[in-house]
Amino acid sequence: MDGRLARGEQTRRSILRRAADIASVEGLDGLTIGRLATDLALSKSSVFAHFGSKEDLQLAAIAHAEDVFRDLVIRPALKAPDGLPRLTAMCEHWLDYSRSRAFPGGCFFAGVIAEFDAREGRVHDAVRHGREKWIDLLTGLAHRAVTLGHLPPDTDPAQIAFELDALARAGNMEAVLTGSDAAYDRAIRGIRARLGVDPE
């Protein structure tokens, strides 16, 4: 990659990082090419060259946030032992990602789901697709825990996934709203209790 291409890629990453940070606090509708240009001391034409429309910018911000989530939550959790330990680790890494403020608004997706859940269009579809992948992942991990005998044989993996996700999202929402980490601790205790895992 020559110097110009490398600088262009670095600029794109900087734009996406700032866009995702803004969206985590103000929503995807808070993103504008002019706002990003001002925040990053770039020309509007420079930002526009990377993202030709607001919708393209929103979609790129979602994809960037998914990459961050994959790096901070999914990949580390998949290193845990198969079955219940991996399912538990996935939930705990999710809460750690929110607690560490990888995005200033907590979990990026918690906000944009609320923003776009009742809308139509490409952004809604991207948000829904990402959500479905996450729930499918939790469901698959729960199913694996049942198969290995870590959870009772009559366990409904989809129900477990729904409940674990609900506990984690509640912890994120309460912690972001109050500024207290106590909600994360409560969420972890609730998740471990639901899974029958001894509290640490």
C-alpha atoms as a PDB file:
ATOM      1  CA  MET A   1       0.000   0.000   0.000  1.00  0.00           C
ATOM      2  CA  ASP A   2       1.497   3.330  -1.017  1.00  0.00           C
ATOM      3  CA  GLY A   3       1.593   6.347   1.289  1.00  0.00           C
ATOM      4  CA  ARG A   4      -1.499   8.010  -0.126  1.00  0.00           C
ATOM      5  CA  LEU A   5      -3.611   4.873   0.190  1.00  0.00           C
ATOM      6  CA  ALA A   6      -2.342   4.296   3.713  1.00  0.00           C
ATOM      7  CA  ARG A   7      -3.244   7.857   4.707  1.00  0.00           C
ATOM      8  CA  GLY A   8      -6.653   7.458   3.124  1.00  0.00           C
ATOM      9  CA  GLU A   9      -7.299   4.272   5.076  1.00  0.00           C
ATOM     10  CA  GLN A  10      -6.124   5.910   8.290  1.00  0.00           C
ATOM     11  CA  THR A  11      -8.461   8.842   7.660  1.00  0.00           C
ATOM     12  CA  ARG A  12     -11.362   6.458   7.031  1.00  0.00           C
ATOM     13  CA  ARG A  13     -10.672   4.623  10.296  1.00  0.00           C
ATOM     14  CA  SER A  14     -10.531   7.925  12.191  1.00  0.00           C
ATOM     15  CA  ILE A  15     -13.841   8.997  10.698  1.00  0.00           C
ATOM     16  CA  LEU A  16     -15.503   5.702  11.582  1.00  0.00           C
ATOM     17  CA  ARG A  17     -14.125   5.721  15.114  1.00  0.00           C
ATOM     18  CA  ARG A  18     -15.528   9.214  15.700  1.00  0.00           C
ATOM     19  CA  ALA A  19     -18.801   8.363  13.963  1.00  0.00           C
ATOM     20  CA  ALA A  20     -19.355   5.307  16.162  1.00  0.00           C
ATOM     21  CA  ASP A  21     -18.537   7.300  19.302  1.00  0.00           C
ATOM     22  CA  ILE A  22     -21.067   9.978  18.372  1.00  0.00           C
ATOM     23  CA  ALA A  23     -23.721   7.428  17.431  1.00  0.00           C
ATOM     24  CA  SER A  24     -23.323   5.579  20.733  1.00  0.00           C
ATOM     25  CA  VAL A  25     -24.356   8.759  22.570  1.00  0.00           C
ATOM     26  CA  GLU A  26     -26.536  10.719  20.137  1.00  0.00           C
ATOM     27  CA  GLY A  27     -27.759   8.006  17.785  1.00  0.00           C
ATOM     28  CA  LEU A  28     -27.045   7.383  14.140  1.00  0.00           C
ATOM     29  CA  ASP A  29     -29.231  10.335  13.196  1.00  0.00           C
ATOM     30  CA  GLY A  30     -26.680  12.522  14.967  1.00  0.00           C
ATOM     31  CA  LEU A  31     -24.120  11.737  12.278  1.00  0.00           C
ATOM     32  CA  THR A  32     -23.485  14.303   9.588  1.00  0.00           C
ATOM     33  CA  ILE A  33     -20.585  14.756   7.228  1.00  0.00           C
ATOM     34  CA  GLY A  34     -20.250  18.364   8.394  1.00  0.00           C
ATOM     35  CA  ARG A  35     -20.119  17.373  12.065  1.00  0.00           C
ATOM     36  CA  LEU A  36     -17.414  14.795  11.447  1.00  0.00           C
ATOM     37  CA  ALA A  37     -15.394  17.168   9.307  1.00  0.00           C
ATOM     38  CA  THR A  38     -15.444  19.774  12.086  1.00  0.00           C
ATOM     39  CA  ASP A  39     -14.642  17.303  14.867  1.00  0.00           C
ATOM     40  CA  LEU A  40     -11.707  15.791  12.973  1.00  0.00           C
ATOM     41  CA  ALA A  41     -10.453  19.014  11.365  1.00  0.00           C
ATOM     42  CA  LEU A  42     -11.072  17.642   7.886  1.00  0.00           C
ATOM     43  CA  SER A  43     -12.717  19.173   4.860  1.00  0.00           C
ATOM     44  CA  LYS A  44     -16.264  18.123   4.064  1.00  0.00           C
ATOM     45  CA  SER A  45     -15.057  16.922   0.682  1.00  0.00           C
ATOM     46  CA  SER A  46     -12.554  14.634   2.379  1.00  0.00           C
ATOM     47  CA  VAL A  47     -15.260  13.000   4.497  1.00  0.00           C
ATOM     48  CA  PHE A  48     -17.647  12.883   1.540  1.00  0.00           C
ATOM     49  CA  ALA A  49     -15.012  11.100  -0.535  1.00  0.00           C
ATOM     50  CA  HIS A  50     -15.189   8.171   1.893  1.00  0.00           C
ATOM     51  CA  PHE A  51     -18.963   8.193   2.462  1.00  0.00           C
ATOM     52  CA  GLY A  52     -21.155   9.554  -0.286  1.00  0.00           C
ATOM     53  CA  SER A  53     -24.332   9.794   1.787  1.00  0.00           C
ATOM     54  CA  LYS A  54     -25.500   9.907   5.379  1.00  0.00           C
ATOM     55  CA  GLU A  55     -26.956   6.422   5.022  1.00  0.00           C
ATOM     56  CA  ASP A  56     -23.637   5.057   3.739  1.00  0.00           C
ATOM     57  CA  LEU A  57     -21.951   6.689   6.731  1.00  0.00           C
ATOM     58  CA  GLN A  58     -24.455   5.121   9.129  1.00  0.00           C
ATOM     59  CA  LEU A  59     -23.976   1.679   7.605  1.00  0.00           C
ATOM     60  CA  ALA A  60     -20.200   2.019   7.771  1.00  0.00           C
ATOM     61  CA  ALA A  61     -20.427   3.068  11.433  1.00  0.00           C
ATOM     62  CA  ILE A  62     -22.474  -0.056  12.187  1.00  0.00           C
ATOM     63  CA  ALA A  63     -19.927  -2.255  10.415  1.00  0.00           C
ATOM     64  CA  HIS A  64     -17.105  -0.599  12.368  1.00  0.00           C
ATOM     65  CA  ALA A  65     -18.938  -1.137  15.662  1.00  0.00           C
ATOM     66  CA  GLU A  66     -19.428  -4.801  14.744  1.00  0.00           C
ATOM     67  CA  ASP A  67     -15.677  -5.145  14.187  1.00  0.00           C
ATOM     68  CA  VAL A  68     -14.987  -3.632  17.604  1.00  0.00           C
ATOM     69  CA  PHE A  69     -17.569  -5.921  19.220  1.00  0.00           C
ATOM     70  CA  ARG A  70     -16.059  -8.946  17.515  1.00  0.00           C
ATOM     71  CA  ASP A  71     -12.556  -8.028  18.712  1.00  0.00           C
ATOM     72  CA  LEU A  72     -13.512  -7.207  22.306  1.00  0.00           C
ATOM     73  CA  VAL A  73     -16.308  -9.679  22.988  1.00  0.00           C
ATOM     74  CA  ILE A  74     -16.621 -12.588  20.595  1.00  0.00           C
ATOM     75  CA  ARG A  75     -13.010 -13.524  19.846  1.00  0.00           C
ATOM     76  CA  PRO A  76     -11.831 -13.449  23.484  1.00  0.00           C
ATOM     77  CA  ALA A  77     -14.891 -15.378  24.683  1.00  0.00           C
ATOM     78  CA  LEU A  78     -14.404 -18.104  22.075  1.00  0.00           C
ATOM     79  CA  LYS A  79     -11.071 -18.921  23.714  1.00  0.00           C
ATOM     80  CA  ALA A  80     -12.903 -20.146  26.821  1.00  0.00           C
ATOM     81  CA  PRO A  81     -13.516 -23.903  27.222  1.00  0.00           C
ATOM     82  CA  ASP A  82     -16.407 -25.317  25.193  1.00  0.00           C
ATOM     83  CA  GLY A  83     -19.912 -25.367  26.603  1.00  0.00           C
ATOM     84  CA  LEU A  84     -21.103 -23.458  29.649  1.00  0.00           C
ATOM     85  CA  PRO A  85     -17.741 -21.707  30.323  1.00  0.00           C
ATOM     86  CA  ARG A  86     -17.798 -20.253  26.797  1.00  0.00           C
ATOM     87  CA  LEU A  87     -21.413 -19.099  27.088  1.00  0.00           C
ATOM     88  CA  THR A  88     -20.677 -17.473  30.442  1.00  0.00           C
ATOM     89  CA  ALA A  89     -17.535 -15.837  29.076  1.00  0.00           C
ATOM     90  CA  MET A  90     -19.469 -14.403  26.131  1.00  0.00           C
ATOM     91  CA  CYS A  91     -21.880 -12.629  28.458  1.00  0.00           C
ATOM     92  CA  GLU A  92     -19.142 -11.410  30.774  1.00  0.00           C
ATOM     93  CA  HIS A  93     -17.047 -10.061  27.912  1.00  0.00           C
ATOM     94  CA  TRP A  94     -20.167  -8.259  26.658  1.00  0.00           C
ATOM     95  CA  LEU A  95     -20.536  -6.523  30.013  1.00  0.00           C
ATOM     96  CA  ASP A  96     -16.801  -5.775  30.192  1.00  0.00           C
ATOM     97  CA  TYR A  97     -17.012  -4.156  26.743  1.00  0.00           C
ATOM     98  CA  SER A  98     -19.786  -1.865  27.948  1.00  0.00           C
ATOM     99  CA  ARG A  99     -18.153  -1.204  31.326  1.00  0.00           C
ATOM    100  CA  SER A 100     -14.844  -0.225  29.699  1.00  0.00           C
ATOM    101  CA  ARG A 101     -16.664   2.317  27.524  1.00  0.00           C
ATOM    102  CA  ALA A 102     -15.268   1.013  24.280  1.00  0.00           C
ATOM    103  CA  PHE A 103     -17.905   3.467  23.081  1.00  0.00           C
ATOM    104  CA  PRO A 104     -18.753   6.438  25.312  1.00  0.00           C
ATOM    105  CA  GLY A 105     -22.457   5.591  25.267  1.00  0.00           C
ATOM    106  CA  GLY A 106     -21.904   2.051  26.501  1.00  0.00           C
ATOM    107  CA  CYS A 107     -22.956  -0.660  24.088  1.00  0.00           C
ATOM    108  CA  PHE A 108     -23.214   0.867  20.614  1.00  0.00           C
ATOM    109  CA  PHE A 109     -25.955  -1.532  19.571  1.00  0.00           C
ATOM    110  CA  ALA A 110     -28.220  -0.996  22.569  1.00  0.00           C
ATOM    111  CA  GLY A 111     -28.741   2.593  21.460  1.00  0.00           C
ATOM    112  CA  VAL A 112     -29.125   2.075  17.732  1.00  0.00           C
ATOM    113  CA  ILE A 113     -31.565  -0.818  18.201  1.00  0.00           C
ATOM    114  CA  ALA A 114     -33.876   1.494  20.147  1.00  0.00           C
ATOM    115  CA  GLU A 115     -33.398   4.174  17.504  1.00  0.00           C
ATOM    116  CA  PHE A 116     -34.168   2.029  14.466  1.00  0.00           C
ATOM    117  CA  ASP A 117     -36.317  -0.841  15.723  1.00  0.00           C
ATOM    118  CA  ALA A 118     -39.576   0.532  14.286  1.00  0.00           C
ATOM    119  CA  ARG A 119     -38.154   2.013  11.079  1.00  0.00           C
ATOM    120  CA  GLU A 120     -37.677   0.556   7.643  1.00  0.00           C
ATOM    121  CA  GLY A 121     -34.730   0.664   5.279  1.00  0.00           C
ATOM    122  CA  ARG A 122     -31.141  -0.417   4.911  1.00  0.00           C
ATOM    123  CA  VAL A 123     -29.978   0.843   8.303  1.00  0.00           C
ATOM    124  CA  HIS A 124     -32.820  -0.951  10.107  1.00  0.00           C
ATOM    125  CA  ASP A 125     -31.980  -4.120   8.173  1.00  0.00           C
ATOM    126  CA  ALA A 126     -28.289  -3.889   9.100  1.00  0.00           C
ATOM    127  CA  VAL A 127     -29.121  -3.376  12.777  1.00  0.00           C
ATOM    128  CA  ARG A 128     -31.598  -6.269  12.723  1.00  0.00           C
ATOM    129  CA  HIS A 129     -29.137  -8.565  10.964  1.00  0.00           C
ATOM    130  CA  GLY A 130     -26.424  -7.857  13.530  1.00  0.00           C
ATOM    131  CA  ARG A 131     -28.877  -8.469  16.352  1.00  0.00           C
ATOM    132  CA  GLU A 132     -29.980 -11.770  14.859  1.00  0.00           C
ATOM    133  CA  LYS A 133     -26.371 -12.927  14.517  1.00  0.00           C
ATOM    134  CA  TRP A 134     -25.741 -12.147  18.195  1.00  0.00           C
ATOM    135  CA  ILE A 135     -28.837 -13.997  19.413  1.00  0.00           C
ATOM    136  CA  ASP A 136     -28.021 -16.926  17.125  1.00  0.00           C
ATOM    137  CA  LEU A 137     -24.524 -17.043  18.621  1.00  0.00           C
ATOM    138  CA  LEU A 138     -25.841 -17.130  22.186  1.00  0.00           C
ATOM    139  CA  THR A 139     -28.433 -19.727  21.219  1.00  0.00           C
ATOM    140  CA  GLY A 140     -25.781 -21.923  19.609  1.00  0.00           C
ATOM    141  CA  LEU A 141     -23.557 -21.685  22.665  1.00  0.00           C
ATOM    142  CA  ALA A 142     -26.472 -22.564  24.930  1.00  0.00           C
ATOM    143  CA  HIS A 143     -27.329 -25.538  22.723  1.00  0.00           C
ATOM    144  CA  ARG A 144     -23.734 -26.703  22.932  1.00  0.00           C
ATOM    145  CA  ALA A 145     -23.837 -26.426  26.744  1.00  0.00           C
ATOM    146  CA  VAL A 146     -26.949 -28.635  26.749  1.00  0.00           C
ATOM    147  CA  THR A 147     -25.303 -31.152  24.417  1.00  0.00           C
ATOM    148  CA  LEU A 148     -22.283 -31.389  26.726  1.00  0.00           C
ATOM    149  CA  GLY A 149     -24.508 -31.887  29.767  1.00  0.00           C
ATOM    150  CA  HIS A 150     -23.599 -28.531  31.308  1.00  0.00           C
ATOM    151  CA  LEU A 151     -27.258 -27.460  31.271  1.00  0.00           C
ATOM    152  CA  PRO A 152     -30.344 -29.650  31.884  1.00  0.00           C
ATOM    153  CA  PRO A 153     -31.541 -31.597  28.830  1.00  0.00           C
ATOM    154  CA  ASP A 154     -34.927 -29.826  28.809  1.00  0.00           C
ATOM    155  CA  THR A 155     -33.278 -26.396  28.561  1.00  0.00           C
ATOM    156  CA  ASP A 156     -34.594 -24.209  25.730  1.00  0.00           C
ATOM    157  CA  PRO A 157     -31.452 -22.633  24.206  1.00  0.00           C
ATOM    158  CA  ALA A 158     -33.402 -19.813  22.532  1.00  0.00           C
ATOM    159  CA  GLN A 159     -35.046 -18.909  25.842  1.00  0.00           C
ATOM    160  CA  ILE A 160     -31.696 -18.931  27.632  1.00  0.00           C
ATOM    161  CA  ALA A 161     -30.230 -16.646  24.928  1.00  0.00           C
ATOM    162  CA  PHE A 162     -33.162 -14.239  25.284  1.00  0.00           C
ATOM    163  CA  GLU A 163     -32.812 -14.043  29.059  1.00  0.00           C
ATOM    164  CA  LEU A 164     -29.036 -13.643  29.093  1.00  0.00           C
ATOM    165  CA  ASP A 165     -29.201 -10.891  26.496  1.00  0.00           C
ATOM    166  CA  ALA A 166     -31.952  -9.150  28.463  1.00  0.00           C
ATOM    167  CA  LEU A 167     -29.887  -9.203  31.655  1.00  0.00           C
ATOM    168  CA  ALA A 168     -26.819  -7.843  29.893  1.00  0.00           C
ATOM    169  CA  ARG A 169     -28.753  -5.077  28.147  1.00  0.00           C
ATOM    170  CA  ALA A 170     -30.449  -4.108  31.406  1.00  0.00           C
ATOM    171  CA  GLY A 171     -27.040  -3.851  33.072  1.00  0.00           C
ATOM    172  CA  ASN A 172     -25.754  -1.672  30.249  1.00  0.00           C
ATOM    173  CA  MET A 173     -28.773   0.640  30.291  1.00  0.00           C
ATOM    174  CA  GLU A 174     -28.797   1.110  34.054  1.00  0.00           C
ATOM    175  CA  ALA A 175     -25.042   1.652  34.293  1.00  0.00           C
ATOM    176  CA  VAL A 176     -24.977   4.212  31.472  1.00  0.00           C
ATOM    177  CA  LEU A 177     -27.956   6.051  32.946  1.00  0.00           C
ATOM    178  CA  THR A 178     -26.712   6.144  36.548  1.00  0.00           C
ATOM    179  CA  GLY A 179     -22.960   6.175  36.017  1.00  0.00           C
ATOM    180  CA  SER A 180     -22.654   3.315  38.508  1.00  0.00           C
ATOM    181  CA  ASP A 181     -20.944   0.004  37.795  1.00  0.00           C
ATOM    182  CA  ALA A 182     -23.207  -1.729  40.314  1.00  0.00           C
ATOM    183  CA  ALA A 183     -25.626  -2.614  37.507  1.00  0.00           C
ATOM    184  CA  TYR A 184     -22.908  -4.575  35.702  1.00  0.00           C
ATOM    185  CA  ASP A 185     -22.211  -6.546  38.868  1.00  0.00           C
ATOM    186  CA  ARG A 186     -25.915  -7.282  39.285  1.00  0.00           C
ATOM    187  CA  ALA A 187     -26.174  -8.383  35.653  1.00  0.00           C
ATOM    188  CA  ILE A 188     -23.229 -10.757  36.037  1.00  0.00           C
ATOM    189  CA  ARG A 189     -24.719 -12.235  39.206  1.00  0.00           C
ATOM    190  CA  GLY A 190     -28.050 -12.679  37.446  1.00  0.00           C
ATOM    191  CA  ILE A 191     -26.442 -14.363  34.443  1.00  0.00           C
ATOM    192  CA  ARG A 192     -24.422 -16.720  36.600  1.00  0.00           C
ATOM    193  CA  ALA A 193     -27.484 -17.581  38.688  1.00  0.00           C
ATOM    194  CA  ARG A 194     -29.537 -18.296  35.562  1.00  0.00           C
ATOM    195  CA  LEU A 195     -26.812 -20.589  34.254  1.00  0.00           C
ATOM    196  CA  GLY A 196     -26.211 -22.270  37.586  1.00  0.00           C
ATOM    197  CA  VAL A 197     -22.622 -21.034  37.689  1.00  0.00           C
ATOM    198  CA  ASP A 198     -21.062 -20.337  41.075  1.00  0.00           C
ATOM    199  CA  PRO A 199     -20.639 -16.596  41.721  1.00  0.00           C
ATOM    200  CA  GLU A 200     -17.048 -15.377  41.886  1.00  0.00           C
END
